[in-house]
Amino acid sequence: MKKNLVAIIVVNILLLIFAFTNRVYAAEESFPSRFLGSPLLVLTAIIIIDIIAYLYRKIRK
């Protein structure tokens, strides 16, 4: 169980780093417009869902 959680966290961190380094934007573009137009939004949602599910399982036990 802990190995699965560690693997999920590592994969999410690697995807987050890849999402940051894969995007190049003009200097005038604001962070919110970059964030909303990138896969980073989806990745953030997945990480938040993972955290909520993990906490729910911990509370339920």
Protein backbone atom coordinates (compact mmCIF):
# COMPACT_ATOMS: atom_id res chain seq x y z
CA MET A 1 0.00 0.00 0.00
CA LYS A 2 2.76 2.44 0.93
CA LYS A 3 4.69 1.51 -2.20
CA ASN A 4 1.67 2.41 -4.33
CA LEU A 5 1.29 5.75 -2.59
CA VAL A 6 4.98 6.54 -2.98
CA ALA A 7 4.84 5.56 -6.66
CA ILE A 8 1.82 7.80 -7.27
CA ILE A 9 3.48 10.74 -5.54
CA VAL A 10 6.73 10.26 -7.49
CA VAL A 11 4.90 10.03 -10.81
CA ASN A 12 2.85 13.15 -10.00
CA ILE A 13 5.98 15.09 -9.09
CA LEU A 14 7.71 14.01 -12.28
CA LEU A 15 4.67 15.02 -14.33
CA LEU A 16 4.58 18.37 -12.56
CA ILE A 17 8.25 19.01 -13.36
CA PHE A 18 7.68 17.94 -16.98
CA ALA A 19 4.67 20.27 -17.25
CA PHE A 20 6.75 23.20 -16.00
CA THR A 21 9.72 22.57 -18.26
CA ASN A 22 7.70 21.68 -21.36
CA ARG A 23 5.94 25.05 -21.64
CA VAL A 24 7.55 28.23 -22.95
CA TYR A 25 5.49 31.44 -23.03
CA ALA A 26 5.96 35.09 -23.82
CA ALA A 27 6.95 37.31 -20.92
CA GLU A 28 3.74 39.39 -21.15
CA GLU A 29 1.46 36.43 -20.50
CA SER A 30 0.28 36.24 -16.89
CA PHE A 31 0.56 33.12 -14.75
CA PRO A 32 -3.22 32.50 -14.45
CA SER A 33 -3.67 32.51 -18.22
CA ARG A 34 -0.71 30.14 -18.62
CA PHE A 35 -2.02 27.90 -15.83
CA LEU A 36 -5.57 27.68 -17.22
CA GLY A 37 -4.34 26.88 -20.71
CA SER A 38 -1.94 24.11 -19.76
CA PRO A 39 -2.01 20.48 -18.68
CA LEU A 40 -0.78 21.74 -15.32
CA LEU A 41 -4.39 22.42 -14.34
CA VAL A 42 -5.31 18.78 -14.94
CA LEU A 43 -2.23 17.57 -13.09
CA THR A 44 -3.06 19.79 -10.11
CA ALA A 45 -6.61 18.42 -10.04
CA ILE A 46 -5.30 14.84 -10.08
CA ILE A 47 -2.89 15.56 -7.22
CA ILE A 48 -5.65 17.17 -5.15
CA ILE A 49 -7.97 14.21 -5.79
CA ASP A 50 -5.18 11.82 -4.75
CA ILE A 51 -4.60 13.72 -1.52
CA ILE A 52 -8.31 13.82 -0.70
CA ALA A 53 -8.66 10.08 -1.37
CA TYR A 54 -5.61 9.32 0.78
CA LEU A 55 -6.93 11.41 3.67
CA TYR A 56 -10.39 9.86 3.34
CA ARG A 57 -8.90 6.36 3.59
CA LYS A 58 -6.85 7.36 6.64
CA ILE A 59 -9.86 8.88 8.40
CA ARG A 60 -12.07 5.91 7.56
CA LYS A 61 -9.65 3.40 9.14
